[in-house]
Amino acid sequence: MPIVTVQQGPRDTELKRELVERITDAFVDAYKIPADTVQVWIHEVPADSWGVSGKLIADS
């Protein structure tokens, strides 16, 4: 059973629904497995807990 973890900043629920569907479809297609065996975990990181190029995203 594949478990896919996505780490990202906060996104709207509809975008997350679409992402989960597309990731699941990709595994079903590539591995020829049933969709109900694919799990997608979304871990959202707040902008004040994520840094790029030495700066917090919240400060951008």
N, C-alpha and C. Protein backbone atom coordinates (compact mmCIF):
# COMPACT_ATOMS: atom_id res chain seq x y z
N MET A 1 0.85 -1.17 0.00
CA MET A 1 0.00 0.00 0.00
C MET A 1 0.89 1.24 0.00
N PRO A 2 0.90 2.01 -1.08
CA PRO A 2 1.70 3.23 -1.11
C PRO A 2 1.11 4.31 -0.19
N ILE A 3 2.02 4.98 0.50
CA ILE A 3 1.65 6.15 1.31
C ILE A 3 2.49 7.30 0.78
N VAL A 4 1.81 8.34 0.30
CA VAL A 4 2.48 9.51 -0.25
C VAL A 4 2.31 10.66 0.74
N THR A 5 3.41 11.31 1.10
CA THR A 5 3.34 12.45 2.00
C THR A 5 3.68 13.71 1.22
N VAL A 6 2.81 14.69 1.31
CA VAL A 6 3.01 15.98 0.65
C VAL A 6 3.23 17.01 1.74
N GLN A 7 4.34 17.72 1.68
CA GLN A 7 4.58 18.81 2.61
C GLN A 7 4.46 20.11 1.83
N GLN A 8 3.63 21.00 2.34
CA GLN A 8 3.36 22.25 1.61
C GLN A 8 2.83 23.30 2.56
N GLY A 9 2.75 24.51 2.05
CA GLY A 9 2.06 25.57 2.77
C GLY A 9 0.56 25.35 2.66
N PRO A 10 -0.21 26.05 3.45
CA PRO A 10 -1.67 25.90 3.43
C PRO A 10 -2.27 26.15 2.04
N ARG A 11 -3.20 25.31 1.68
CA ARG A 11 -3.92 25.44 0.41
C ARG A 11 -5.41 25.25 0.68
N ASP A 12 -6.21 25.70 -0.24
CA ASP A 12 -7.66 25.57 -0.15
C ASP A 12 -8.07 24.09 -0.33
N THR A 13 -9.15 23.71 0.31
CA THR A 13 -9.59 22.32 0.33
C THR A 13 -9.83 21.77 -1.07
N GLU A 14 -10.40 22.56 -1.96
CA GLU A 14 -10.67 22.08 -3.32
C GLU A 14 -9.37 21.73 -4.04
N LEU A 15 -8.33 22.53 -3.86
CA LEU A 15 -7.04 22.22 -4.48
C LEU A 15 -6.47 20.92 -3.91
N LYS A 16 -6.63 20.71 -2.61
CA LYS A 16 -6.14 19.47 -1.99
C LYS A 16 -6.91 18.26 -2.50
N ARG A 17 -8.21 18.41 -2.70
CA ARG A 17 -9.01 17.31 -3.27
C ARG A 17 -8.46 16.90 -4.63
N GLU A 18 -8.20 17.90 -5.47
CA GLU A 18 -7.69 17.64 -6.81
C GLU A 18 -6.30 16.99 -6.76
N LEU A 19 -5.44 17.48 -5.87
CA LEU A 19 -4.11 16.91 -5.73
C LEU A 19 -4.18 15.44 -5.32
N VAL A 20 -5.00 15.12 -4.31
CA VAL A 20 -5.14 13.75 -3.84
C VAL A 20 -5.65 12.85 -4.97
N GLU A 21 -6.61 13.33 -5.74
CA GLU A 21 -7.15 12.56 -6.85
C GLU A 21 -6.08 12.29 -7.90
N ARG A 22 -5.31 13.31 -8.25
CA ARG A 22 -4.28 13.14 -9.28
C ARG A 22 -3.14 12.23 -8.83
N ILE A 23 -2.73 12.37 -7.57
CA ILE A 23 -1.68 11.50 -7.05
C ILE A 23 -2.17 10.05 -7.04
N THR A 24 -3.39 9.85 -6.58
CA THR A 24 -3.96 8.49 -6.56
C THR A 24 -4.02 7.92 -7.96
N ASP A 25 -4.52 8.70 -8.92
CA ASP A 25 -4.60 8.23 -10.31
C ASP A 25 -3.23 7.85 -10.86
N ALA A 26 -2.20 8.63 -10.50
CA ALA A 26 -0.85 8.34 -10.98
C ALA A 26 -0.36 6.99 -10.46
N PHE A 27 -0.62 6.68 -9.20
CA PHE A 27 -0.21 5.39 -8.65
C PHE A 27 -1.01 4.25 -9.25
N VAL A 28 -2.31 4.46 -9.42
CA VAL A 28 -3.15 3.43 -10.04
C VAL A 28 -2.63 3.12 -11.44
N ASP A 29 -2.30 4.14 -12.20
CA ASP A 29 -1.81 3.97 -13.56
C ASP A 29 -0.41 3.33 -13.59
N ALA A 30 0.50 3.83 -12.77
CA ALA A 30 1.89 3.35 -12.80
C ALA A 30 2.05 1.96 -12.20
N TYR A 31 1.36 1.69 -11.11
CA TYR A 31 1.55 0.43 -10.39
C TYR A 31 0.47 -0.61 -10.66
N LYS A 32 -0.57 -0.18 -11.38
CA LYS A 32 -1.70 -1.08 -11.67
C LYS A 32 -2.29 -1.66 -10.39
N ILE A 33 -2.60 -0.76 -9.45
CA ILE A 33 -3.16 -1.16 -8.15
C ILE A 33 -4.52 -0.48 -7.98
N PRO A 34 -5.35 -1.00 -7.08
CA PRO A 34 -6.63 -0.36 -6.83
C PRO A 34 -6.45 0.99 -6.10
N ALA A 35 -7.31 1.92 -6.42
CA ALA A 35 -7.24 3.25 -5.80
C ALA A 35 -7.36 3.19 -4.29
N ASP A 36 -8.12 2.23 -3.77
CA ASP A 36 -8.32 2.19 -2.32
C ASP A 36 -7.08 1.71 -1.55
N THR A 37 -6.01 1.39 -2.26
CA THR A 37 -4.77 1.01 -1.58
C THR A 37 -3.79 2.18 -1.48
N VAL A 38 -4.14 3.32 -2.07
CA VAL A 38 -3.25 4.49 -2.09
C VAL A 38 -3.69 5.46 -1.00
N GLN A 39 -2.74 5.86 -0.15
CA GLN A 39 -3.01 6.86 0.87
C GLN A 39 -2.17 8.10 0.59
N VAL A 40 -2.78 9.26 0.74
CA VAL A 40 -2.08 10.52 0.55
C VAL A 40 -2.23 11.33 1.83
N TRP A 41 -1.11 11.68 2.43
CA TRP A 41 -1.11 12.48 3.65
C TRP A 41 -0.60 13.87 3.29
N ILE A 42 -1.36 14.88 3.65
CA ILE A 42 -0.95 16.26 3.39
C ILE A 42 -0.57 16.90 4.72
N HIS A 43 0.67 17.32 4.78
CA HIS A 43 1.17 17.99 5.98
C HIS A 43 1.37 19.45 5.63
N GLU A 44 0.53 20.31 6.16
CA GLU A 44 0.62 21.74 5.87
C GLU A 44 1.48 22.45 6.92
N VAL A 45 2.42 23.20 6.43
CA VAL A 45 3.34 23.93 7.29
C VAL A 45 3.00 25.42 7.23
N PRO A 46 2.76 26.06 8.36
CA PRO A 46 2.44 27.48 8.36
C PRO A 46 3.61 28.32 7.82
N ALA A 47 3.28 29.45 7.24
CA ALA A 47 4.29 30.32 6.63
C ALA A 47 5.33 30.80 7.63
N ASP A 48 4.98 30.84 8.92
CA ASP A 48 5.96 31.28 9.92
C ASP A 48 6.82 30.12 10.44
N SER A 49 6.65 28.95 9.84
CA SER A 49 7.45 27.78 10.22
C SER A 49 8.19 27.19 9.02
N TRP A 50 8.37 27.99 7.97
CA TRP A 50 8.98 27.52 6.73
C TRP A 50 9.90 28.61 6.21
N GLY A 51 11.12 28.26 5.90
CA GLY A 51 12.07 29.24 5.40
C GLY A 51 12.65 28.86 4.06
N VAL A 52 12.94 29.87 3.25
CA VAL A 52 13.60 29.71 1.95
C VAL A 52 14.63 30.81 1.81
N SER A 53 15.81 30.46 1.38
CA SER A 53 16.88 31.44 1.15
C SER A 53 17.18 32.28 2.39
N GLY A 54 17.09 31.67 3.55
CA GLY A 54 17.44 32.36 4.78
C GLY A 54 16.33 33.23 5.36
N LYS A 55 15.12 33.17 4.78
CA LYS A 55 14.02 34.01 5.28
C LYS A 55 12.76 33.18 5.44
N LEU A 56 11.96 33.53 6.44
CA LEU A 56 10.66 32.88 6.60
C LEU A 56 9.74 33.28 5.45
N ILE A 57 8.94 32.34 5.00
CA ILE A 57 7.96 32.63 3.97
C ILE A 57 7.02 33.74 4.43
N ALA A 58 6.71 33.76 5.72
CA ALA A 58 5.80 34.78 6.28
C ALA A 58 6.36 36.19 6.09
N ASP A 59 7.67 36.32 5.96
CA ASP A 59 8.29 37.63 5.80
C ASP A 59 8.42 38.07 4.35
N SER A 60 8.00 37.23 3.44
CA SER A 60 8.14 37.55 2.00
C SER A 60 7.07 38.53 1.55
